[in-house]
N, C-alpha and C. Protein backbone atom coordinates (compact mmCIF):
# COMPACT_ATOMS: atom_id res chain seq x y z
N MET A 1 -18.56 0.65 49.77
CA MET A 1 -19.27 -0.09 50.96
C MET A 1 -18.69 1.06 51.96
N ARG A 2 -17.63 1.75 51.76
CA ARG A 2 -16.88 2.24 52.77
C ARG A 2 -17.46 3.17 53.35
N LYS A 3 -18.39 4.15 51.97
CA LYS A 3 -19.09 5.01 52.25
C LYS A 3 -20.47 5.12 53.12
N LYS A 4 -21.00 3.90 52.69
CA LYS A 4 -22.18 3.17 53.39
C LYS A 4 -22.15 3.17 54.93
N TRP A 5 -20.66 2.77 55.13
CA TRP A 5 -20.45 2.48 56.63
C TRP A 5 -20.09 3.65 57.26
N PHE A 6 -19.54 4.91 56.56
CA PHE A 6 -19.08 6.04 57.40
C PHE A 6 -20.34 6.75 57.12
N CYS A 7 -21.40 6.85 56.67
CA CYS A 7 -22.85 7.38 56.51
C CYS A 7 -23.52 6.24 57.90
N PHE A 8 -23.70 5.76 58.13
CA PHE A 8 -24.11 4.82 58.78
C PHE A 8 -23.47 4.94 60.49
N CYS A 9 -22.64 4.74 60.77
CA CYS A 9 -21.79 5.81 61.74
C CYS A 9 -21.95 6.84 61.59
N GLY A 10 -22.11 8.19 60.84
CA GLY A 10 -22.59 9.34 60.93
C GLY A 10 -24.01 9.72 61.83
N VAL A 11 -24.55 9.10 60.82
CA VAL A 11 -26.16 8.98 61.79
C VAL A 11 -26.37 8.26 63.00
N LEU A 12 -25.90 7.47 63.12
CA LEU A 12 -25.55 6.81 64.86
C LEU A 12 -24.79 7.74 65.54
N LEU A 13 -23.98 8.64 65.28
CA LEU A 13 -23.58 9.55 65.85
C LEU A 13 -24.26 10.47 65.92
N GLY A 14 -24.88 11.38 65.18
CA GLY A 14 -26.04 11.92 65.20
C GLY A 14 -26.61 11.80 65.72
N ALA A 15 -27.67 10.46 65.86
CA ALA A 15 -28.88 10.24 66.74
C ALA A 15 -28.15 10.09 68.08
N LEU A 16 -27.24 9.67 68.45
CA LEU A 16 -26.66 9.70 69.76
C LEU A 16 -26.63 11.14 70.07
N ALA A 17 -26.53 12.08 69.75
CA ALA A 17 -26.26 13.57 70.07
C ALA A 17 -27.65 13.93 70.50
N LEU A 18 -28.09 13.80 69.35
CA LEU A 18 -29.93 14.58 69.28
C LEU A 18 -30.65 13.47 70.59
N ILE A 19 -29.92 12.32 70.84
CA ILE A 19 -30.84 11.78 71.91
C ILE A 19 -30.24 12.07 73.25
N GLY A 20 -29.28 12.37 73.21
CA GLY A 20 -28.19 13.41 74.65
C GLY A 20 -28.99 14.54 74.12
N VAL A 21 -29.29 15.49 73.24
CA VAL A 21 -29.77 17.04 74.07
C VAL A 21 -31.17 16.54 74.02
N ASP A 22 -31.99 15.60 73.55
CA ASP A 22 -33.66 15.74 74.16
C ASP A 22 -33.53 15.35 75.41
N GLN A 23 -32.68 14.27 76.04
CA GLN A 23 -32.65 13.96 77.23
C GLN A 23 -32.48 15.05 78.63
N TRP A 24 -31.26 15.54 77.92
CA TRP A 24 -30.66 17.02 78.74
C TRP A 24 -31.87 18.18 78.85
N THR A 25 -32.45 18.29 77.91
CA THR A 25 -33.64 19.28 77.85
C THR A 25 -34.67 19.04 78.48
N LYS A 26 -34.76 17.32 78.25
CA LYS A 26 -36.21 17.10 79.18
C LYS A 26 -35.73 16.95 81.00
N SER A 27 -34.20 16.78 81.16
CA SER A 27 -34.22 16.42 82.66
C SER A 27 -34.00 18.04 82.98
N LEU A 28 -33.81 19.23 82.52
CA LEU A 28 -34.11 20.60 82.41
C LEU A 28 -35.35 20.65 83.12
N ALA A 29 -36.41 20.26 82.00
CA ALA A 29 -38.14 20.55 82.11
C ALA A 29 -38.50 19.96 83.69
N LEU A 30 -37.67 18.83 83.75
CA LEU A 30 -38.14 17.81 85.29
C LEU A 30 -37.64 18.72 86.49
N ARG A 31 -36.58 19.16 86.53
CA ARG A 31 -35.75 19.88 87.25
C ARG A 31 -36.41 21.62 87.71
N HIS A 32 -36.91 22.40 87.08
CA HIS A 32 -37.06 23.19 86.57
C HIS A 32 -38.68 23.73 86.28
N LEU A 33 -39.31 23.02 85.41
CA LEU A 33 -40.44 23.37 85.48
C LEU A 33 -41.58 22.53 85.97
N ARG A 34 -41.46 21.51 86.75
CA ARG A 34 -42.15 20.43 87.24
C ARG A 34 -43.10 20.95 88.60
N GLY A 35 -44.10 21.30 88.77
CA GLY A 35 -44.80 21.86 89.47
C GLY A 35 -44.62 23.36 89.64
N ASN A 36 -44.40 23.88 88.70
CA ASN A 36 -44.34 25.45 88.53
C ASN A 36 -45.48 26.31 87.45
N GLU A 37 -45.29 27.30 87.41
CA GLU A 37 -46.63 27.92 86.23
C GLU A 37 -45.59 27.72 85.31
N PRO A 38 -46.11 27.94 84.09
CA PRO A 38 -45.49 28.33 82.79
C PRO A 38 -44.65 29.17 82.57
N VAL A 39 -43.53 29.04 81.98
CA VAL A 39 -42.20 30.31 81.79
C VAL A 39 -42.48 30.72 80.30
N PRO A 40 -42.77 32.14 80.27
CA PRO A 40 -43.07 32.46 78.78
C PRO A 40 -41.52 32.97 78.58
N VAL A 41 -41.66 32.56 76.80
CA VAL A 41 -40.46 32.44 76.27
C VAL A 41 -40.08 33.61 75.45
N VAL A 42 -41.21 33.42 74.59
CA VAL A 42 -41.85 34.52 73.67
C VAL A 42 -43.47 35.18 73.61
N PRO A 43 -43.71 36.10 74.70
CA PRO A 43 -44.70 36.93 75.04
C PRO A 43 -45.60 36.19 74.03
N HIS A 44 -47.14 35.55 74.36
CA HIS A 44 -48.50 35.20 73.40
C HIS A 44 -47.90 34.40 71.87
N LEU A 45 -46.43 33.68 72.30
CA LEU A 45 -46.09 32.94 71.51
C LEU A 45 -45.83 31.33 71.65
N LEU A 46 -44.63 31.25 72.96
CA LEU A 46 -43.93 30.25 72.78
C LEU A 46 -43.73 30.56 74.70
N GLU A 47 -44.18 29.16 75.30
CA GLU A 47 -44.16 29.02 76.66
C GLU A 47 -43.53 27.86 77.07
N PHE A 48 -42.43 27.39 77.89
CA PHE A 48 -42.14 26.34 78.41
C PHE A 48 -43.04 25.89 79.85
N CYS A 49 -43.51 24.78 79.70
CA CYS A 49 -44.51 24.52 80.93
C CYS A 49 -44.26 22.79 80.84
N TYR A 50 -44.93 22.15 81.91
CA TYR A 50 -43.85 20.91 82.32
C TYR A 50 -45.69 19.96 82.02
N VAL A 51 -45.64 19.49 80.79
CA VAL A 51 -46.65 17.72 81.23
C VAL A 51 -46.18 16.36 81.20
N GLU A 52 -46.59 15.71 82.11
CA GLU A 52 -46.43 13.99 81.73
C GLU A 52 -47.23 13.64 80.67
N ASN A 53 -47.04 13.03 79.41
CA ASN A 53 -47.60 12.65 78.45
C ASN A 53 -47.61 10.85 78.66
N TYR A 54 -49.02 10.61 79.35
CA TYR A 54 -48.84 8.85 79.08
C TYR A 54 -49.56 8.19 77.84
N ALA A 55 -49.05 9.05 76.66
CA ALA A 55 -50.06 8.66 75.77
C ALA A 55 -49.17 8.68 74.64
N ALA A 56 -49.19 8.47 73.36
CA ALA A 56 -48.52 9.09 71.83
C ALA A 56 -48.59 10.08 71.75
N ALA A 57 -48.36 10.75 70.27
CA ALA A 57 -48.48 12.26 70.05
C ALA A 57 -49.90 12.26 69.89
N MET A 58 -49.93 13.62 70.52
CA MET A 58 -51.26 14.50 70.51
C MET A 58 -52.47 13.70 71.28
N GLY A 59 -51.92 12.47 72.15
CA GLY A 59 -52.66 12.11 73.06
C GLY A 59 -53.33 10.78 72.78
N LEU A 60 -52.87 10.33 71.46
CA LEU A 60 -53.60 8.72 70.91
C LEU A 60 -52.90 7.86 72.02
N TYR A 61 -53.79 6.60 71.54
CA TYR A 61 -53.31 5.54 72.26
C TYR A 61 -53.03 5.44 73.46
N LYS A 62 -53.81 6.10 74.37
CA LYS A 62 -53.22 6.13 75.74
C LYS A 62 -53.44 4.89 76.34
N GLY A 63 -54.43 3.84 75.81
CA GLY A 63 -54.33 2.54 76.74
C GLY A 63 -53.50 1.13 75.83
N LEU A 64 -52.85 1.97 75.11
CA LEU A 64 -52.16 0.94 74.09
C LEU A 64 -50.88 1.26 73.90
N ILE A 65 -50.45 1.71 75.24
CA ILE A 65 -48.62 1.93 75.22
C ILE A 65 -47.57 0.78 74.76
N TRP A 66 -48.24 -0.11 75.32
CA TRP A 66 -47.49 -1.28 74.85
C TRP A 66 -47.24 -1.27 73.06
N LEU A 67 -48.04 -1.06 72.50
CA LEU A 67 -47.83 -0.98 71.01
C LEU A 67 -47.40 0.35 70.57
N VAL A 68 -47.33 1.25 70.91
CA VAL A 68 -46.22 2.34 71.01
C VAL A 68 -44.96 1.98 71.11
N VAL A 69 -44.49 1.38 72.12
CA VAL A 69 -43.33 1.21 72.26
C VAL A 69 -42.88 0.07 71.49
N LEU A 70 -43.88 -1.08 70.97
CA LEU A 70 -43.58 -2.15 70.01
C LEU A 70 -43.15 -1.43 68.80
N CYS A 71 -44.16 -0.24 68.34
CA CYS A 71 -43.98 -0.01 67.04
C CYS A 71 -42.54 0.79 67.22
N THR A 72 -42.50 1.67 68.08
CA THR A 72 -41.29 2.42 68.29
C THR A 72 -40.16 1.42 68.06
N VAL A 73 -39.90 0.28 68.61
CA VAL A 73 -38.25 -0.68 68.48
C VAL A 73 -38.46 -0.96 67.26
N LEU A 74 -39.89 -1.62 66.70
CA LEU A 74 -40.04 -2.23 65.12
C LEU A 74 -39.54 -1.06 64.26
N VAL A 75 -39.92 0.06 63.94
CA VAL A 75 -39.53 1.10 63.52
C VAL A 75 -37.96 1.28 63.48
N SER A 76 -37.54 1.60 64.53
CA SER A 76 -35.93 2.08 65.06
C SER A 76 -35.39 0.92 64.24
N ILE A 77 -35.54 -0.17 64.51
CA ILE A 77 -34.90 -1.22 63.76
C ILE A 77 -34.90 -1.84 62.58
N GLY A 78 -36.19 -1.06 61.71
CA GLY A 78 -36.20 -0.74 60.68
C GLY A 78 -35.35 0.25 59.86
N ILE A 79 -35.22 0.95 60.35
CA ILE A 79 -34.25 2.31 60.11
C ILE A 79 -32.88 1.86 60.12
N LEU A 80 -32.57 1.35 60.99
CA LEU A 80 -31.19 0.60 60.87
C LEU A 80 -30.79 0.02 59.51
N GLY A 81 -32.14 -1.22 59.59
CA GLY A 81 -32.02 -2.02 58.30
C GLY A 81 -31.74 -1.37 57.03
N ALA A 82 -32.63 -0.22 57.35
CA ALA A 82 -32.74 1.06 55.63
C ALA A 82 -31.49 1.51 55.57
N LEU A 83 -30.91 2.01 56.67
CA LEU A 83 -29.42 2.59 56.24
C LEU A 83 -28.84 1.84 55.97
N LEU A 84 -28.21 0.73 56.10
CA LEU A 84 -27.86 -0.46 55.21
C LEU A 84 -27.80 -1.25 54.01
N LEU A 85 -28.98 -1.30 54.22
CA LEU A 85 -29.55 -1.56 52.55
C LEU A 85 -30.19 -0.91 51.22
N TYR A 86 -30.59 0.09 52.01
CA TYR A 86 -30.98 0.55 51.06
C TYR A 86 -30.02 1.67 50.02
N LYS A 87 -30.35 1.36 48.90
CA LYS A 87 -29.24 1.63 47.88
C LYS A 87 -29.77 3.11 47.47
N GLU A 88 -30.27 3.75 47.38
CA GLU A 88 -30.79 5.05 46.54
C GLU A 88 -30.85 5.94 47.36
N HIS A 89 -30.12 6.20 48.64
CA HIS A 89 -29.95 7.33 49.88
C HIS A 89 -29.78 8.65 48.92
N THR A 90 -30.57 9.76 49.43
CA THR A 90 -30.12 10.74 49.43
C THR A 90 -29.46 11.44 51.01
N VAL A 91 -29.29 13.14 51.04
CA VAL A 91 -28.87 13.35 52.04
C VAL A 91 -30.19 13.88 52.79
N TYR A 92 -31.37 13.62 51.90
CA TYR A 92 -32.41 13.60 53.04
C TYR A 92 -33.02 12.37 53.45
N SER A 93 -32.79 11.33 52.99
CA SER A 93 -33.04 9.98 53.26
C SER A 93 -32.22 9.80 54.82
N TYR A 94 -30.91 10.34 54.53
CA TYR A 94 -29.98 10.02 56.18
C TYR A 94 -30.30 10.60 57.21
N ILE A 95 -30.93 12.19 56.65
CA ILE A 95 -31.17 13.15 57.58
C ILE A 95 -32.47 12.68 57.96
N ALA A 96 -33.29 12.14 57.42
CA ALA A 96 -34.76 11.55 58.27
C ALA A 96 -34.47 10.37 59.04
N CYS A 97 -33.23 9.38 58.68
CA CYS A 97 -33.00 8.12 59.42
C CYS A 97 -32.32 8.94 60.68
N LEU A 98 -31.58 9.93 60.72
CA LEU A 98 -31.45 10.14 62.10
C LEU A 98 -32.14 10.82 62.89
N LEU A 99 -33.10 11.81 62.57
CA LEU A 99 -33.91 12.50 63.03
C LEU A 99 -34.95 11.19 63.73
N LEU A 100 -35.57 10.37 62.87
CA LEU A 100 -36.85 9.62 63.19
C LEU A 100 -36.06 8.67 63.98
N LEU A 101 -34.93 8.12 64.02
CA LEU A 101 -34.43 7.39 64.91
C LEU A 101 -34.03 7.98 66.36
N SER A 102 -33.42 8.87 66.58
CA SER A 102 -33.18 9.93 67.29
C SER A 102 -34.71 10.67 68.27
N GLY A 103 -35.83 10.85 67.20
CA GLY A 103 -37.08 11.19 68.12
C GLY A 103 -37.69 9.89 68.90
N GLY A 104 -37.34 8.66 67.97
CA GLY A 104 -38.72 7.71 68.38
C GLY A 104 -37.35 7.17 69.51
N VAL A 105 -36.22 6.81 69.42
CA VAL A 105 -35.34 6.61 70.73
C VAL A 105 -35.67 7.36 72.17
N GLY A 106 -35.79 9.20 71.75
CA GLY A 106 -35.56 9.65 72.75
C GLY A 106 -36.81 9.81 73.83
N ASN A 107 -37.85 9.26 73.03
CA ASN A 107 -39.27 9.34 73.70
C ASN A 107 -39.34 7.90 74.35
N LEU A 108 -38.49 6.93 73.84
CA LEU A 108 -38.51 5.41 74.39
C LEU A 108 -37.92 5.71 75.81
N CYS A 109 -36.65 6.40 75.41
CA CYS A 109 -35.99 6.71 77.07
C CYS A 109 -36.92 6.91 77.96
N ASP A 110 -37.89 7.76 77.92
CA ASP A 110 -38.48 8.59 78.77
C ASP A 110 -39.68 7.25 79.43
N ARG A 111 -40.21 6.90 78.59
CA ARG A 111 -41.22 5.67 78.66
C ARG A 111 -40.60 4.78 79.77
N PHE A 112 -39.53 4.44 79.16
CA PHE A 112 -38.40 3.42 80.06
C PHE A 112 -37.92 4.11 81.75
N LEU A 113 -37.56 5.15 81.09
CA LEU A 113 -37.30 6.06 82.31
C LEU A 113 -38.20 6.70 83.54
N HIS A 114 -39.36 7.02 82.99
CA HIS A 114 -40.15 7.51 83.71
C HIS A 114 -41.57 7.01 83.80
N GLY A 115 -41.95 6.21 82.73
CA GLY A 115 -43.41 5.65 82.67
C GLY A 115 -44.13 6.36 81.84
N PHE A 116 -43.63 7.85 81.25
CA PHE A 116 -44.46 8.91 80.35
C PHE A 116 -43.14 9.63 79.63
N VAL A 117 -43.64 10.73 79.08
CA VAL A 117 -42.93 11.24 78.26
C VAL A 117 -43.15 12.82 78.63
N VAL A 118 -42.18 12.88 78.85
CA VAL A 118 -41.69 14.74 79.68
C VAL A 118 -42.24 15.34 78.13
N ASP A 119 -43.06 16.67 78.34
CA ASP A 119 -43.19 17.25 76.64
C ASP A 119 -43.38 19.08 77.79
N PHE A 120 -42.46 19.90 77.17
CA PHE A 120 -42.66 21.12 77.54
C PHE A 120 -42.75 22.43 76.99
N ILE A 121 -42.58 21.94 75.34
CA ILE A 121 -42.26 23.44 74.58
C ILE A 121 -43.72 23.53 74.31
N HIS A 122 -44.67 24.48 74.29
CA HIS A 122 -45.75 24.93 73.84
C HIS A 122 -45.80 26.32 72.87
N VAL A 123 -46.00 25.88 72.11
CA VAL A 123 -46.47 27.14 71.32
C VAL A 123 -47.71 27.29 71.28
N LEU A 124 -48.29 29.12 71.68
CA LEU A 124 -49.71 29.27 71.91
C LEU A 124 -50.94 29.07 70.80
N PHE A 125 -50.57 29.11 70.05
CA PHE A 125 -51.54 28.83 69.14
C PHE A 125 -51.95 27.49 68.83
N PHE A 126 -50.87 26.52 69.06
CA PHE A 126 -51.13 24.83 69.11
C PHE A 126 -51.85 24.54 70.16
N PRO A 127 -52.27 23.57 70.20
CA PRO A 127 -52.59 23.22 71.31
C PRO A 127 -52.14 21.83 72.00
N TYR A 128 -50.88 21.57 71.43
CA TYR A 128 -50.52 20.44 72.13
C TYR A 128 -49.21 20.91 72.49
N VAL A 129 -48.39 20.21 73.64
CA VAL A 129 -47.18 20.44 74.26
C VAL A 129 -46.18 19.36 73.80
N PHE A 130 -44.81 19.94 73.70
CA PHE A 130 -44.32 18.62 72.90
C PHE A 130 -42.85 18.70 72.93
N ASN A 131 -41.70 18.39 72.29
CA ASN A 131 -40.98 18.33 73.29
C ASN A 131 -39.64 17.95 71.89
N VAL A 132 -38.11 17.65 72.54
CA VAL A 132 -37.22 17.47 71.14
C VAL A 132 -37.58 16.92 70.51
N ALA A 133 -37.76 15.31 71.26
CA ALA A 133 -37.54 14.32 69.87
C ALA A 133 -38.90 14.81 69.13
N ASP A 134 -40.12 15.03 69.64
CA ASP A 134 -40.98 15.63 68.97
C ASP A 134 -40.84 15.92 67.75
N CYS A 135 -40.13 17.15 67.72
CA CYS A 135 -39.39 18.22 66.60
C CYS A 135 -38.89 17.29 65.61
N CYS A 136 -37.78 16.53 66.39
CA CYS A 136 -36.69 15.54 65.67
C CYS A 136 -37.84 14.72 64.58
N VAL A 137 -38.98 13.88 65.15
CA VAL A 137 -39.74 13.20 64.40
C VAL A 137 -40.73 14.03 62.89
N THR A 138 -41.09 15.26 63.59
CA THR A 138 -42.03 15.75 62.35
C THR A 138 -41.01 16.63 61.15
N VAL A 139 -39.68 16.63 61.78
CA VAL A 139 -38.78 17.58 60.47
C VAL A 139 -37.99 15.82 59.47
N GLY A 140 -38.30 15.14 60.71
CA GLY A 140 -37.78 13.88 59.73
C GLY A 140 -38.71 13.20 59.08
N VAL A 141 -40.02 13.21 59.09
CA VAL A 141 -41.28 12.96 58.16
C VAL A 141 -41.25 14.18 56.83
N VAL A 142 -41.11 15.25 57.11
CA VAL A 142 -40.99 16.14 56.10
C VAL A 142 -39.55 15.70 55.21
N CYS A 143 -38.36 15.15 55.95
CA CYS A 143 -37.18 15.07 55.32
C CYS A 143 -37.70 13.68 54.03
N PHE A 144 -38.05 12.77 54.75
CA PHE A 144 -38.37 11.66 54.27
C PHE A 144 -39.59 11.81 53.03
N GLY A 145 -39.94 12.96 53.15
CA GLY A 145 -41.15 13.21 52.20
C GLY A 145 -40.36 13.80 51.14
N ILE A 146 -39.36 14.73 51.22
CA ILE A 146 -38.34 15.49 50.25
C ILE A 146 -37.68 13.95 49.50
N HIS A 147 -37.01 13.59 50.69
CA HIS A 147 -36.34 11.96 49.46
C HIS A 147 -37.56 11.56 48.72
N CYS A 148 -38.83 11.33 48.75
CA CYS A 148 -39.04 10.66 48.18
C CYS A 148 -39.82 11.23 46.95
N MET A 149 -39.78 12.58 46.84
CA MET A 149 -40.10 13.53 45.65
C MET A 149 -39.06 13.45 45.01
N VAL A 150 -37.92 13.73 45.49
CA VAL A 150 -36.36 13.44 44.77
C VAL A 150 -36.54 12.15 44.13
N GLN A 151 -36.29 11.25 44.82
CA GLN A 151 -36.55 9.98 44.28
C GLN A 151 -37.30 9.72 42.80
N ALA A 152 -38.46 10.20 43.17
CA ALA A 152 -39.50 10.32 42.05
C ALA A 152 -39.03 10.84 41.02
N ARG A 153 -38.51 12.49 40.83
CA ARG A 153 -37.86 13.07 40.08
C ARG A 153 -36.88 11.99 39.22
N ARG A 154 -36.05 11.75 39.65
CA ARG A 154 -34.97 10.96 39.48
C ARG A 154 -35.30 9.67 38.17
N GLU A 155 -36.37 9.05 38.94
CA GLU A 155 -37.05 8.03 38.43
C GLU A 155 -37.70 8.29 37.01
N LYS A 156 -38.10 9.03 37.18
CA LYS A 156 -38.89 9.82 36.04
C LYS A 156 -38.05 10.45 34.86
N ALA A 157 -36.66 10.77 35.29
CA ALA A 157 -36.41 11.47 34.26
C ALA A 157 -35.36 9.95 33.61
N ALA A 158 -35.20 8.78 34.45
CA ALA A 158 -34.12 7.75 34.06
C ALA A 158 -35.17 7.36 32.57
N ALA A 159 -36.43 7.03 33.38
CA ALA A 159 -37.35 6.60 32.37
C ALA A 159 -37.26 7.19 31.41
N ALA A 160 -37.39 8.75 31.10
CA ALA A 160 -37.16 9.62 30.07
C ALA A 160 -35.75 9.37 29.12
N GLU A 161 -34.92 8.88 29.68
CA GLU A 161 -33.74 9.22 29.04
C GLU A 161 -33.76 7.74 28.42
N LYS A 162 -33.97 6.94 29.27
CA LYS A 162 -34.25 5.23 28.43
C LYS A 162 -34.90 5.35 27.51
N GLU A 163 -36.02 5.84 27.52
CA GLU A 163 -37.19 6.24 26.49
C GLU A 163 -36.41 6.58 25.46
N ALA A 164 -35.76 7.55 25.10
CA ALA A 164 -35.19 8.66 24.55
C ALA A 164 -34.06 7.99 23.55
C-alpha cells in the first residue's frame, strides 16, 4: 500500500510540475507572441505563433465547450481514481496518468483563466497549432496504448502458463 501512495504522490507532483511548465510557456506566448508575427524556430519546420483556441482539439466542439470542460473534469477524476484503485499498473500506466492529467488540467486552467486555450507551437507540415498540454495528452495516450499491449501480453503469458 505504501508503494501505491508513493506512486500516487509522485504522479501528482509530476503533474503539478508539468502544469506549471505548460502555464509558464503559455504566459510567454501571451507576453511575446500575441499580436506579433510568427517566430521561426527551425526554418521551414517549426515556428511559434499565437492562436486563441475556443474549441477543443483540432477545432472540434466549438459550440460545446461546456461539454469539453465537463469531460475533462470527469476524466481527471477517473484518472485519480484509477491511480488508487487499479491493481495492474506498469511504468507506462503511471506515465500515462501523469501526462493525461497534466495535459487536461493545463488546458482546463486556460479555459477558466482566459476563456480559451493558448496554442503557440506550429510544426509547419502539420495544419494545427498546439501547446505543451496537448503534447502531454498525445504522449499520454501513446503510453496508455503501450500499457494495454504490455498487459495483454502478460495476461496471455499467464493464461498459457496456467494451461501448461
